[in-house]
Amino acid sequence: MSMASTSTPRSSSELTITVESNPSKSRLSELGINSWPKWGCPPGKYMLKFDAQETCYLLRGKVKVSPKGSSESIQFGAGDLVTIPKGLSCTWDVSVAVDKHYKFESSSTPTPPLNDN
């Protein structure tokens, strides 16, 4: 495992994109991928900020993601199940048009309001 650079913000260790290559059909079925909405884009560069965690499954495409403030990039493409953390700002360099199923995680346990007693 590589060490984080000292110039990286403290929280960046939590902002890691995970890529699961060629997950099994049973795993995709378990996640309900086919019921997720679809999204696509043509080749190009896109600046994105994720306000919620996104899990997506690429049906086609090839992407190189460069997190803001990092010199490293992550590549993924058709057949990959990708989880992008909430709070990540990055550039997507799409070399092959993307077609994907996606799902944003909503906060399943909202923080209750504080009561001043």
PDB file of N, CA and C in Angstrom:
ATOM      1  N   MET A   1       0.850  -1.177   0.000  1.00  0.00           N
ATOM      2  CA  MET A   1       0.000   0.000   0.000  1.00  0.00           C
ATOM      3  C   MET A   1       0.893   1.237   0.000  1.00  0.00           C
ATOM      4  N   SER A   2       0.569   2.204  -0.851  1.00  0.00           N
ATOM      5  CA  SER A   2       1.417   3.383  -0.939  1.00  0.00           C
ATOM      6  C   SER A   2       1.084   4.374   0.168  1.00  0.00           C
ATOM      7  N   MET A   3       2.075   5.125   0.557  1.00  0.00           N
ATOM      8  CA  MET A   3       1.905   6.123   1.604  1.00  0.00           C
ATOM      9  C   MET A   3       1.301   7.377   0.986  1.00  0.00           C
ATOM     10  N   ALA A   4       0.458   8.069   1.732  1.00  0.00           N
ATOM     11  CA  ALA A   4      -0.100   9.338   1.259  1.00  0.00           C
ATOM     12  C   ALA A   4       0.981  10.407   1.362  1.00  0.00           C
ATOM     13  N   SER A   5       0.980  11.327   0.418  1.00  0.00           N
ATOM     14  CA  SER A   5       1.975  12.389   0.470  1.00  0.00           C
ATOM     15  C   SER A   5       1.598  13.372   1.564  1.00  0.00           C
ATOM     16  N   THR A   6       2.589  14.067   2.101  1.00  0.00           N
ATOM     17  CA  THR A   6       2.342  14.979   3.213  1.00  0.00           C
ATOM     18  C   THR A   6       1.559  16.205   2.783  1.00  0.00           C
ATOM     19  N   SER A   7       1.513  16.511   1.486  1.00  0.00           N
ATOM     20  CA  SER A   7       0.779  17.683   1.023  1.00  0.00           C
ATOM     21  C   SER A   7      -0.711  17.387   0.818  1.00  0.00           C
ATOM     22  N   THR A   8      -1.102  16.128   0.990  1.00  0.00           N
ATOM     23  CA  THR A   8      -2.487  15.741   0.794  1.00  0.00           C
ATOM     24  C   THR A   8      -3.289  16.077   2.047  1.00  0.00           C
ATOM     25  N   PRO A   9      -4.499  16.640   1.873  1.00  0.00           N
ATOM     26  CA  PRO A   9      -5.319  16.941   3.047  1.00  0.00           C
ATOM     27  C   PRO A   9      -5.567  15.690   3.883  1.00  0.00           C
ATOM     28  N   ARG A  10      -5.712  15.880   5.176  1.00  0.00           N
ATOM     29  CA  ARG A  10      -5.845  14.781   6.124  1.00  0.00           C
ATOM     30  C   ARG A  10      -6.986  13.845   5.754  1.00  0.00           C
ATOM     31  N   SER A  11      -8.097  14.388   5.256  1.00  0.00           N
ATOM     32  CA  SER A  11      -9.266  13.566   4.970  1.00  0.00           C
ATOM     33  C   SER A  11      -9.143  12.790   3.659  1.00  0.00           C
ATOM     34  N   SER A  12      -8.101  13.039   2.885  1.00  0.00           N
ATOM     35  CA  SER A  12      -8.003  12.405   1.572  1.00  0.00           C
ATOM     36  C   SER A  12      -7.890  10.887   1.660  1.00  0.00           C
ATOM     37  N   SER A  13      -7.397  10.374   2.788  1.00  0.00           N
ATOM     38  CA  SER A  13      -7.270   8.921   2.910  1.00  0.00           C
ATOM     39  C   SER A  13      -8.644   8.261   2.890  1.00  0.00           C
ATOM     40  N   GLU A  14      -9.679   9.017   3.260  1.00  0.00           N
ATOM     41  CA  GLU A  14     -11.038   8.482   3.231  1.00  0.00           C
ATOM     42  C   GLU A  14     -11.632   8.594   1.835  1.00  0.00           C
ATOM     43  N   LEU A  15     -11.074   9.441   0.982  1.00  0.00           N
ATOM     44  CA  LEU A  15     -11.629   9.687  -0.342  1.00  0.00           C
ATOM     45  C   LEU A  15     -10.941   8.811  -1.379  1.00  0.00           C
ATOM     46  N   THR A  16     -11.163   7.515  -1.267  1.00  0.00           N
ATOM     47  CA  THR A  16     -10.527   6.559  -2.148  1.00  0.00           C
ATOM     48  C   THR A  16     -11.559   5.930  -3.070  1.00  0.00           C
ATOM     49  N   ILE A  17     -11.272   5.964  -4.362  1.00  0.00           N
ATOM     50  CA  ILE A  17     -12.143   5.310  -5.340  1.00  0.00           C
ATOM     51  C   ILE A  17     -11.802   3.824  -5.323  1.00  0.00           C
ATOM     52  N   THR A  18     -12.817   2.985  -5.212  1.00  0.00           N
ATOM     53  CA  THR A  18     -12.570   1.546  -5.261  1.00  0.00           C
ATOM     54  C   THR A  18     -13.131   0.997  -6.568  1.00  0.00           C
ATOM     55  N   VAL A  19     -12.380   0.084  -7.176  1.00  0.00           N
ATOM     56  CA  VAL A  19     -12.776  -0.519  -8.445  1.00  0.00           C
ATOM     57  C   VAL A  19     -12.781  -2.035  -8.277  1.00  0.00           C
ATOM     58  N   GLU A  20     -13.923  -2.636  -8.569  1.00  0.00           N
ATOM     59  CA  GLU A  20     -14.063  -4.089  -8.535  1.00  0.00           C
ATOM     60  C   GLU A  20     -14.228  -4.530  -9.990  1.00  0.00           C
ATOM     61  N   SER A  21     -13.193  -5.174 -10.527  1.00  0.00           N
ATOM     62  CA  SER A  21     -13.220  -5.577 -11.931  1.00  0.00           C
ATOM     63  C   SER A  21     -14.028  -6.851 -12.142  1.00  0.00           C
ATOM     64  N   ASN A  22     -14.886  -6.783 -13.139  1.00  0.00           N
ATOM     65  CA  ASN A  22     -15.695  -7.939 -13.540  1.00  0.00           C
ATOM     66  C   ASN A  22     -16.363  -8.663 -12.378  1.00  0.00           C
ATOM     67  N   PRO A  23     -17.219  -7.959 -11.612  1.00  0.00           N
ATOM     68  CA  PRO A  23     -17.934  -8.634 -10.527  1.00  0.00           C
ATOM     69  C   PRO A  23     -18.854  -9.716 -11.099  1.00  0.00           C
ATOM     70  N   SER A  24     -19.157 -10.723 -10.290  1.00  0.00           N
ATOM     71  CA  SER A  24     -19.994 -11.838 -10.750  1.00  0.00           C
ATOM     72  C   SER A  24     -21.423 -11.366 -11.008  1.00  0.00           C
ATOM     73  N   LYS A  25     -22.131 -12.137 -11.847  1.00  0.00           N
ATOM     74  CA  LYS A  25     -23.532 -11.818 -12.140  1.00  0.00           C
ATOM     75  C   LYS A  25     -24.357 -11.849 -10.861  1.00  0.00           C
ATOM     76  N   SER A  26     -24.023 -12.756  -9.946  1.00  0.00           N
ATOM     77  CA  SER A  26     -24.780 -12.828  -8.697  1.00  0.00           C
ATOM     78  C   SER A  26     -24.551 -11.574  -7.849  1.00  0.00           C
ATOM     79  N   ARG A  27     -23.340 -11.051  -7.868  1.00  0.00           N
ATOM     80  CA  ARG A  27     -23.043  -9.806  -7.129  1.00  0.00           C
ATOM     81  C   ARG A  27     -23.838  -8.650  -7.727  1.00  0.00           C
ATOM     82  N   LEU A  28     -23.871  -8.546  -9.058  1.00  0.00           N
ATOM     83  CA  LEU A  28     -24.613  -7.476  -9.722  1.00  0.00           C
ATOM     84  C   LEU A  28     -26.109  -7.603  -9.435  1.00  0.00           C
ATOM     85  N   SER A  29     -26.603  -8.828  -9.440  1.00  0.00           N
ATOM     86  CA  SER A  29     -28.013  -9.082  -9.169  1.00  0.00           C
ATOM     87  C   SER A  29     -28.342  -8.712  -7.723  1.00  0.00           C
ATOM     88  N   GLU A  30     -27.462  -9.069  -6.809  1.00  0.00           N
ATOM     89  CA  GLU A  30     -27.629  -8.762  -5.380  1.00  0.00           C
ATOM     90  C   GLU A  30     -27.738  -7.247  -5.162  1.00  0.00           C
ATOM     91  N   LEU A  31     -26.956  -6.480  -5.922  1.00  0.00           N
ATOM     92  CA  LEU A  31     -26.976  -5.018  -5.810  1.00  0.00           C
ATOM     93  C   LEU A  31     -28.173  -4.393  -6.536  1.00  0.00           C
ATOM     94  N   GLY A  32     -28.814  -5.149  -7.410  1.00  0.00           N
ATOM     95  CA  GLY A  32     -29.948  -4.630  -8.172  1.00  0.00           C
ATOM     96  C   GLY A  32     -29.538  -3.644  -9.254  1.00  0.00           C
ATOM     97  N   ILE A  33     -28.367  -3.875  -9.833  1.00  0.00           N
ATOM     98  CA  ILE A  33     -27.792  -2.956 -10.826  1.00  0.00           C
ATOM     99  C   ILE A  33     -28.780  -2.586 -11.935  1.00  0.00           C
ATOM    100  N   ASN A  34     -29.498  -3.589 -12.467  1.00  0.00           N
ATOM    101  CA  ASN A  34     -30.378  -3.321 -13.614  1.00  0.00           C
ATOM    102  C   ASN A  34     -31.537  -2.388 -13.289  1.00  0.00           C
ATOM    103  N   SER A  35     -31.843  -2.196 -12.004  1.00  0.00           N
ATOM    104  CA  SER A  35     -32.923  -1.273 -11.630  1.00  0.00           C
ATOM    105  C   SER A  35     -32.404   0.148 -11.405  1.00  0.00           C
ATOM    106  N   TRP A  36     -31.076   0.325 -11.405  1.00  0.00           N
ATOM    107  CA  TRP A  36     -30.494   1.656 -11.204  1.00  0.00           C
ATOM    108  C   TRP A  36     -30.668   2.487 -12.470  1.00  0.00           C
ATOM    109  N   PRO A  37     -30.732   3.823 -12.316  1.00  0.00           N
ATOM    110  CA  PRO A  37     -30.802   4.680 -13.500  1.00  0.00           C
ATOM    111  C   PRO A  37     -29.537   4.557 -14.347  1.00  0.00           C
ATOM    112  N   LYS A  38     -29.648   4.987 -15.598  1.00  0.00           N
ATOM    113  CA  LYS A  38     -28.488   4.958 -16.502  1.00  0.00           C
ATOM    114  C   LYS A  38     -28.045   6.383 -16.812  1.00  0.00           C
ATOM    115  N   TRP A  39     -26.763   6.520 -17.090  1.00  0.00           N
ATOM    116  CA  TRP A  39     -26.180   7.811 -17.455  1.00  0.00           C
ATOM    117  C   TRP A  39     -25.059   7.537 -18.436  1.00  0.00           C
ATOM    118  N   GLY A  40     -24.837   8.458 -19.333  1.00  0.00           N
ATOM    119  CA  GLY A  40     -23.750   8.317 -20.277  1.00  0.00           C
ATOM    120  C   GLY A  40     -23.187   9.666 -20.655  1.00  0.00           C
ATOM    121  N   CYS A  41     -21.992   9.647 -21.232  1.00  0.00           N
ATOM    122  CA  CYS A  41     -21.372  10.884 -21.708  1.00  0.00           C
ATOM    123  C   CYS A  41     -20.406  10.547 -22.840  1.00  0.00           C
ATOM    124  N   PRO A  42     -20.191  11.526 -23.725  1.00  0.00           N
ATOM    125  CA  PRO A  42     -19.232  11.326 -24.813  1.00  0.00           C
ATOM    126  C   PRO A  42     -17.807  11.532 -24.292  1.00  0.00           C
ATOM    127  N   PRO A  43     -16.814  11.177 -25.102  1.00  0.00           N
ATOM    128  CA  PRO A  43     -15.427  11.443 -24.695  1.00  0.00           C
ATOM    129  C   PRO A  43     -15.223  12.926 -24.393  1.00  0.00           C
ATOM    130  N   GLY A  44     -14.345  13.200 -23.429  1.00  0.00           N
ATOM    131  CA  GLY A  44     -14.048  14.581 -23.042  1.00  0.00           C
ATOM    132  C   GLY A  44     -13.548  14.624 -21.611  1.00  0.00           C
ATOM    133  N   LYS A  45     -13.301  15.841 -21.128  1.00  0.00           N
ATOM    134  CA  LYS A  45     -12.860  16.025 -19.742  1.00  0.00           C
ATOM    135  C   LYS A  45     -13.971  16.707 -18.963  1.00  0.00           C
ATOM    136  N   TYR A  46     -14.249  16.163 -17.782  1.00  0.00           N
ATOM    137  CA  TYR A  46     -15.339  16.652 -16.958  1.00  0.00           C
ATOM    138  C   TYR A  46     -14.842  16.876 -15.526  1.00  0.00           C
ATOM    139  N   MET A  47     -15.099  18.073 -14.992  1.00  0.00           N
ATOM    140  CA  MET A  47     -14.775  18.372 -13.595  1.00  0.00           C
ATOM    141  C   MET A  47     -16.009  17.988 -12.778  1.00  0.00           C
ATOM    142  N   LEU A  48     -15.835  17.070 -11.811  1.00  0.00           N
ATOM    143  CA  LEU A  48     -16.970  16.588 -11.026  1.00  0.00           C
ATOM    144  C   LEU A  48     -16.698  16.706  -9.533  1.00  0.00           C
ATOM    145  N   LYS A  49     -17.767  16.965  -8.779  1.00  0.00           N
ATOM    146  CA  LYS A  49     -17.696  16.941  -7.322  1.00  0.00           C
ATOM    147  C   LYS A  49     -18.832  16.062  -6.855  1.00  0.00           C
ATOM    148  N   PHE A  50     -18.518  15.076  -6.030  1.00  0.00           N
ATOM    149  CA  PHE A  50     -19.507  14.114  -5.568  1.00  0.00           C
ATOM    150  C   PHE A  50     -20.024  14.530  -4.198  1.00  0.00           C
ATOM    151  N   ASP A  51     -21.311  14.950  -4.152  1.00  0.00           N
ATOM    152  CA  ASP A  51     -21.940  15.369  -2.904  1.00  0.00           C
ATOM    153  C   ASP A  51     -22.528  14.191  -2.145  1.00  0.00           C
ATOM    154  N   ALA A  52     -22.488  13.024  -2.770  1.00  0.00           N
ATOM    155  CA  ALA A  52     -22.937  11.782  -2.136  1.00  0.00           C
ATOM    156  C   ALA A  52     -22.073  10.659  -2.705  1.00  0.00           C
ATOM    157  N   GLN A  53     -21.946   9.570  -1.950  1.00  0.00           N
ATOM    158  CA  GLN A  53     -21.193   8.428  -2.474  1.00  0.00           C
ATOM    159  C   GLN A  53     -21.944   7.859  -3.667  1.00  0.00           C
ATOM    160  N   GLU A  54     -21.202   7.572  -4.738  1.00  0.00           N
ATOM    161  CA  GLU A  54     -21.810   6.967  -5.919  1.00  0.00           C
ATOM    162  C   GLU A  54     -21.202   5.595  -6.154  1.00  0.00           C
ATOM    163  N   THR A  55     -22.075   4.633  -6.444  1.00  0.00           N
ATOM    164  CA  THR A  55     -21.631   3.328  -6.908  1.00  0.00           C
ATOM    165  C   THR A  55     -22.133   3.223  -8.337  1.00  0.00           C
ATOM    166  N   CYS A  56     -21.255   2.843  -9.255  1.00  0.00           N
ATOM    167  CA  CYS A  56     -21.679   2.724 -10.650  1.00  0.00           C
ATOM    168  C   CYS A  56     -21.063   1.477 -11.276  1.00  0.00           C
ATOM    169  N   TYR A  57     -21.769   0.986 -12.280  1.00  0.00           N
ATOM    170  CA  TYR A  57     -21.312  -0.179 -13.037  1.00  0.00           C
ATOM    171  C   TYR A  57     -21.245   0.239 -14.495  1.00  0.00           C
ATOM    172  N   LEU A  58     -20.042   0.199 -15.066  1.00  0.00           N
ATOM    173  CA  LEU A  58     -19.855   0.641 -16.441  1.00  0.00           C
ATOM    174  C   LEU A  58     -20.208  -0.468 -17.426  1.00  0.00           C
ATOM    175  N   LEU A  59     -21.193  -0.170 -18.285  1.00  0.00           N
ATOM    176  CA  LEU A  59     -21.578  -1.096 -19.347  1.00  0.00           C
ATOM    177  C   LEU A  59     -20.612  -0.957 -20.518  1.00  0.00           C
ATOM    178  N   ARG A  60     -20.155   0.276 -20.736  1.00  0.00           N
ATOM    179  CA  ARG A  60     -19.133   0.535 -21.747  1.00  0.00           C
ATOM    180  C   ARG A  60     -18.400   1.809 -21.362  1.00  0.00           C
ATOM    181  N   GLY A  61     -17.243   1.984 -21.962  1.00  0.00           N
ATOM    182  CA  GLY A  61     -16.483   3.205 -21.734  1.00  0.00           C
ATOM    183  C   GLY A  61     -15.115   2.952 -21.120  1.00  0.00           C
ATOM    184  N   LYS A  62     -14.336   4.016 -21.071  1.00  0.00           N
ATOM    185  CA  LYS A  62     -13.013   3.976 -20.463  1.00  0.00           C
ATOM    186  C   LYS A  62     -12.754   5.365 -19.871  1.00  0.00           C
ATOM    187  N   VAL A  63     -12.390   5.381 -18.584  1.00  0.00           N
ATOM    188  CA  VAL A  63     -12.236   6.629 -17.849  1.00  0.00           C
ATOM    189  C   VAL A  63     -10.943   6.629 -17.056  1.00  0.00           C
ATOM    190  N   LYS A  64     -10.290   7.795 -17.017  1.00  0.00           N
ATOM    191  CA  LYS A  64      -9.149   8.009 -16.126  1.00  0.00           C
ATOM    192  C   LYS A  64      -9.568   9.143 -15.198  1.00  0.00           C
ATOM    193  N   VAL A  65      -9.597   8.858 -13.897  1.00  0.00           N
ATOM    194  CA  VAL A  65     -10.031   9.846 -12.913  1.00  0.00           C
ATOM    195  C   VAL A  65      -8.819  10.370 -12.157  1.00  0.00           C
ATOM    196  N   SER A  66      -8.718  11.693 -12.104  1.00  0.00           N
ATOM    197  CA  SER A  66      -7.640  12.352 -11.358  1.00  0.00           C
ATOM    198  C   SER A  66      -8.258  13.163 -10.231  1.00  0.00           C
ATOM    199  N   PRO A  67      -8.118  12.677  -8.978  1.00  0.00           N
ATOM    200  CA  PRO A  67      -8.645  13.442  -7.849  1.00  0.00           C
ATOM    201  C   PRO A  67      -7.940  14.796  -7.733  1.00  0.00           C
ATOM    202  N   LYS A  68      -8.703  15.819  -7.389  1.00  0.00           N
ATOM    203  CA  LYS A  68      -8.165  17.170  -7.245  1.00  0.00           C
ATOM    204  C   LYS A  68      -7.072  17.162  -6.180  1.00  0.00           C
ATOM    205  N   GLY A  69      -5.937  17.777  -6.496  1.00  0.00           N
ATOM    206  CA  GLY A  69      -4.841  17.882  -5.541  1.00  0.00           C
ATOM    207  C   GLY A  69      -3.971  16.641  -5.446  1.00  0.00           C
ATOM    208  N   SER A  70      -4.208  15.660  -6.314  1.00  0.00           N
ATOM    209  CA  SER A  70      -3.411  14.429  -6.295  1.00  0.00           C
ATOM    210  C   SER A  70      -2.688  14.274  -7.625  1.00  0.00           C
ATOM    211  N   SER A  71      -1.495  13.706  -7.577  1.00  0.00           N
ATOM    212  CA  SER A  71      -0.756  13.461  -8.810  1.00  0.00           C
ATOM    213  C   SER A  71      -1.068  12.071  -9.363  1.00  0.00           C
ATOM    214  N   GLU A  72      -1.835  11.279  -8.614  1.00  0.00           N
ATOM    215  CA  GLU A  72      -2.165   9.928  -9.049  1.00  0.00           C
ATOM    216  C   GLU A  72      -3.524   9.913  -9.727  1.00  0.00           C
ATOM    217  N   SER A  73      -3.725   8.918 -10.593  1.00  0.00           N
ATOM    218  CA  SER A  73      -5.022   8.768 -11.246  1.00  0.00           C
ATOM    219  C   SER A  73      -5.442   7.308 -11.181  1.00  0.00           C
ATOM    220  N   ILE A  74      -6.732   7.081 -11.381  1.00  0.00           N
ATOM    221  CA  ILE A  74      -7.304   5.742 -11.331  1.00  0.00           C
ATOM    222  C   ILE A  74      -8.011   5.525 -12.659  1.00  0.00           C
ATOM    223  N   GLN A  75      -7.825   4.340 -13.250  1.00  0.00           N
ATOM    224  CA  GLN A  75      -8.487   4.031 -14.515  1.00  0.00           C
ATOM    225  C   GLN A  75      -9.478   2.902 -14.308  1.00  0.00           C
ATOM    226  N   PHE A  76     -10.607   3.014 -15.009  1.00  0.00           N
ATOM    227  CA  PHE A  76     -11.588   1.928 -15.005  1.00  0.00           C
ATOM    228  C   PHE A  76     -12.386   1.997 -16.290  1.00  0.00           C
ATOM    229  N   GLY A  77     -13.123   0.919 -16.558  1.00  0.00           N
ATOM    230  CA  GLY A  77     -13.863   0.863 -17.807  1.00  0.00           C
ATOM    231  C   GLY A  77     -14.974  -0.156 -17.774  1.00  0.00           C
ATOM    232  N   ALA A  78     -15.431  -0.545 -18.965  1.00  0.00           N
ATOM    233  CA  ALA A  78     -16.545  -1.480 -19.105  1.00  0.00           C
ATOM    234  C   ALA A  78     -16.320  -2.721 -18.254  1.00  0.00           C
ATOM    235  N   GLY A  79     -17.364  -3.110 -17.512  1.00  0.00           N
ATOM    236  CA  GLY A  79     -17.289  -4.300 -16.671  1.00  0.00           C
ATOM    237  C   GLY A  79     -16.818  -4.027 -15.259  1.00  0.00           C
ATOM    238  N   ASP A  80     -16.484  -2.761 -14.942  1.00  0.00           N
ATOM    239  CA  ASP A  80     -16.007  -2.431 -13.596  1.00  0.00           C
ATOM    240  C   ASP A  80     -17.134  -1.868 -12.734  1.00  0.00           C
ATOM    241  N   LEU A  81     -17.138  -2.280 -11.461  1.00  0.00           N
ATOM    242  CA  LEU A  81     -18.047  -1.745 -10.451  1.00  0.00           C
ATOM    243  C   LEU A  81     -17.209  -0.771  -9.628  1.00  0.00           C
ATOM    244  N   VAL A  82     -17.610   0.491  -9.625  1.00  0.00           N
ATOM    245  CA  VAL A  82     -16.783   1.553  -9.057  1.00  0.00           C
ATOM    246  C   VAL A  82     -17.536   2.267  -7.942  1.00  0.00           C
ATOM    247  N   THR A  83     -16.855   2.513  -6.822  1.00  0.00           N
ATOM    248  CA  THR A  83     -17.431   3.296  -5.734  1.00  0.00           C
ATOM    249  C   THR A  83     -16.622   4.570  -5.578  1.00  0.00           C
ATOM    250  N   ILE A  84     -17.312   5.707  -5.671  1.00  0.00           N
ATOM    251  CA  ILE A  84     -16.675   7.020  -5.579  1.00  0.00           C
ATOM    252  C   ILE A  84     -17.158   7.664  -4.290  1.00  0.00           C
ATOM    253  N   PRO A  85     -16.234   8.065  -3.416  1.00  0.00           N
ATOM    254  CA  PRO A  85     -16.631   8.565  -2.097  1.00  0.00           C
ATOM    255  C   PRO A  85     -17.264   9.955  -2.131  1.00  0.00           C
ATOM    256  N   LYS A  86     -18.140  10.187  -1.172  1.00  0.00           N
ATOM    257  CA  LYS A  86     -18.746  11.502  -0.980  1.00  0.00           C
ATOM    258  C   LYS A  86     -17.644  12.515  -0.691  1.00  0.00           C
ATOM    259  N   GLY A  87     -17.752  13.691  -1.308  1.00  0.00           N
ATOM    260  CA  GLY A  87     -16.799  14.760  -1.048  1.00  0.00           C
ATOM    261  C   GLY A  87     -15.643  14.822  -2.020  1.00  0.00           C
ATOM    262  N   LEU A  88     -15.531  13.839  -2.918  1.00  0.00           N
ATOM    263  CA  LEU A  88     -14.407  13.816  -3.856  1.00  0.00           C
ATOM    264  C   LEU A  88     -14.627  14.807  -4.998  1.00  0.00           C
ATOM    265  N   SER A  89     -13.633  15.645  -5.246  1.00  0.00           N
ATOM    266  CA  SER A  89     -13.605  16.508  -6.429  1.00  0.00           C
ATOM    267  C   SER A  89     -12.562  15.912  -7.355  1.00  0.00           C
ATOM    268  N   CYS A  90     -12.903  15.766  -8.633  1.00  0.00           N
ATOM    269  CA  CYS A  90     -11.980  15.101  -9.544  1.00  0.00           C
ATOM    270  C   CYS A  90     -12.261  15.502 -10.985  1.00  0.00           C
ATOM    271  N   THR A  91     -11.340  15.118 -11.859  1.00  0.00           N
ATOM    272  CA  THR A  91     -11.521  15.293 -13.300  1.00  0.00           C
ATOM    273  C   THR A  91     -11.669  13.918 -13.919  1.00  0.00           C
ATOM    274  N   TRP A  92     -12.723  13.744 -14.699  1.00  0.00           N
ATOM    275  CA  TRP A  92     -12.914  12.519 -15.460  1.00  0.00           C
ATOM    276  C   TRP A  92     -12.406  12.781 -16.868  1.00  0.00           C
ATOM    277  N   ASP A  93     -11.404  12.019 -17.294  1.00  0.00           N
ATOM    278  CA  ASP A  93     -10.904  12.084 -18.661  1.00  0.00           C
ATOM    279  C   ASP A  93     -11.466  10.848 -19.363  1.00  0.00           C
ATOM    280  N   VAL A  94     -12.545  11.055 -20.113  1.00  0.00           N
ATOM    281  CA  VAL A  94     -13.265   9.958 -20.764  1.00  0.00           C
ATOM    282  C   VAL A  94     -12.696   9.764 -22.165  1.00  0.00           C
ATOM    283  N   SER A  95     -12.034   8.616 -22.396  1.00  0.00           N
ATOM    284  CA  SER A  95     -11.443   8.352 -23.710  1.00  0.00           C
ATOM    285  C   SER A  95     -12.378   7.543 -24.603  1.00  0.00           C
ATOM    286  N   VAL A  96     -13.280   6.753 -23.999  1.00  0.00           N
ATOM    287  CA  VAL A  96     -14.293   6.001 -24.743  1.00  0.00           C
ATOM    288  C   VAL A  96     -15.630   6.328 -24.087  1.00  0.00           C
ATOM    289  N   ALA A  97     -16.621   6.719 -24.892  1.00  0.00           N
ATOM    290  CA  ALA A  97     -17.934   7.135 -24.371  1.00  0.00           C
ATOM    291  C   ALA A  97     -18.436   6.187 -23.280  1.00  0.00           C
ATOM    292  N   VAL A  98     -18.964   6.774 -22.212  1.00  0.00           N
ATOM    293  CA  VAL A  98     -19.413   6.018 -21.042  1.00  0.00           C
ATOM    294  C   VAL A  98     -20.914   5.773 -21.094  1.00  0.00           C
ATOM    295  N   ASP A  99     -21.306   4.564 -20.723  1.00  0.00           N
ATOM    296  CA  ASP A  99     -22.696   4.189 -20.503  1.00  0.00           C
ATOM    297  C   ASP A  99     -22.662   3.393 -19.201  1.00  0.00           C
ATOM    298  N   LYS A 100     -23.391   3.858 -18.185  1.00  0.00           N
ATOM    299  CA  LYS A 100     -23.290   3.194 -16.876  1.00  0.00           C
ATOM    300  C   LYS A 100     -24.617   3.218 -16.142  1.00  0.00           C
ATOM    301  N   HIS A 101     -24.754   2.266 -15.219  1.00  0.00           N
ATOM    302  CA  HIS A 101     -25.818   2.286 -14.219  1.00  0.00           C
ATOM    303  C   HIS A 101     -25.190   2.946 -12.996  1.00  0.00           C
ATOM    304  N   TYR A 102     -25.972   3.737 -12.266  1.00  0.00           N
ATOM    305  CA  TYR A 102     -25.414   4.406 -11.090  1.00  0.00           C
ATOM    306  C   TYR A 102     -26.432   4.495  -9.963  1.00  0.00           C
ATOM    307  N   LYS A 103     -25.905   4.662  -8.757  1.00  0.00           N
ATOM    308  CA  LYS A 103     -26.749   4.826  -7.579  1.00  0.00           C
ATOM    309  C   LYS A 103     -26.019   5.727  -6.602  1.00  0.00           C
ATOM    310  N   PHE A 104     -26.711   6.734  -6.093  1.00  0.00           N
ATOM    311  CA  PHE A 104     -26.153   7.586  -5.048  1.00  0.00           C
ATOM    312  C   PHE A 104     -26.649   7.085  -3.703  1.00  0.00           C
ATOM    313  N   GLU A 105     -25.735   7.011  -2.741  1.00  0.00           N
ATOM    314  CA  GLU A 105     -26.109   6.594  -1.391  1.00  0.00           C
ATOM    315  C   GLU A 105     -26.697   7.782  -0.666  1.00  0.00           C
ATOM    316  N   SER A 106     -27.893   7.597  -0.116  1.00  0.00           N
ATOM    317  CA  SER A 106     -28.454   8.654   0.709  1.00  0.00           C
ATOM    318  C   SER A 106     -28.141   8.280   2.151  1.00  0.00           C
ATOM    319  N   SER A 107     -28.172   9.247   2.986  1.00  0.00           N
ATOM    320  CA  SER A 107     -27.865   8.999   4.388  1.00  0.00           C
ATOM    321  C   SER A 107     -29.027   8.196   4.968  1.00  0.00           C
ATOM    322  N   SER A 108     -28.785   6.923   5.271  1.00  0.00           N
ATOM    323  CA  SER A 108     -29.870   6.067   5.745  1.00  0.00           C
ATOM    324  C   SER A 108     -30.194   6.341   7.209  1.00  0.00           C
ATOM    325  N   THR A 109     -29.269   6.920   7.928  1.00  0.00           N
ATOM    326  CA  THR A 109     -29.512   7.252   9.327  1.00  0.00           C
ATOM    327  C   THR A 109     -29.227   8.737   9.535  1.00  0.00           C
ATOM    328  N   PRO A 110     -30.245   9.581   9.312  1.00  0.00           N
ATOM    329  CA  PRO A 110     -30.005  11.010   9.480  1.00  0.00           C
ATOM    330  C   PRO A 110     -29.639  11.342  10.919  1.00  0.00           C
ATOM    331  N   THR A 111     -28.811  12.344  11.065  1.00  0.00           N
ATOM    332  CA  THR A 111     -28.401  12.768  12.397  1.00  0.00           C
ATOM    333  C   THR A 111     -29.580  13.449  13.067  1.00  0.00           C
ATOM    334  N   PRO A 112     -29.989  12.953  14.258  1.00  0.00           N
ATOM    335  CA  PRO A 112     -31.118  13.593  14.932  1.00  0.00           C
ATOM    336  C   PRO A 112     -30.719  14.972  15.446  1.00  0.00           C
ATOM    337  N   PRO A 113     -31.689  15.897  15.531  1.00  0.00           N
ATOM    338  CA  PRO A 113     -31.365  17.222  16.060  1.00  0.00           C
ATOM    339  C   PRO A 113     -30.970  17.119  17.533  1.00  0.00           C
ATOM    340  N   LEU A 114     -30.095  18.013  17.952  1.00  0.00           N
ATOM    341  CA  LEU A 114     -29.680  18.032  19.353  1.00  0.00           C
ATOM    342  C   LEU A 114     -30.752  18.696  20.190  1.00  0.00           C
ATOM    343  N   ASN A 115     -31.049  18.109  21.327  1.00  0.00           N
ATOM    344  CA  ASN A 115     -32.027  18.699  22.247  1.00  0.00           C
ATOM    345  C   ASN A 115     -31.286  19.365  23.381  1.00  0.00           C
ATOM    346  N   ASP A 116     -31.592  20.633  23.618  1.00  0.00           N
ATOM    347  CA  ASP A 116     -31.000  21.339  24.750  1.00  0.00           C
ATOM    348  C   ASP A 116     -31.964  21.241  25.918  1.00  0.00           C
ATOM    349  N   ASN A 117     -31.632  20.420  26.886  1.00  0.00           N
ATOM    350  CA  ASN A 117     -32.519  20.249  28.043  1.00  0.00           C
ATOM    351  C   ASN A 117     -32.013  21.019  29.219  1.00  0.00           C
TER     352      ASN A 117
END
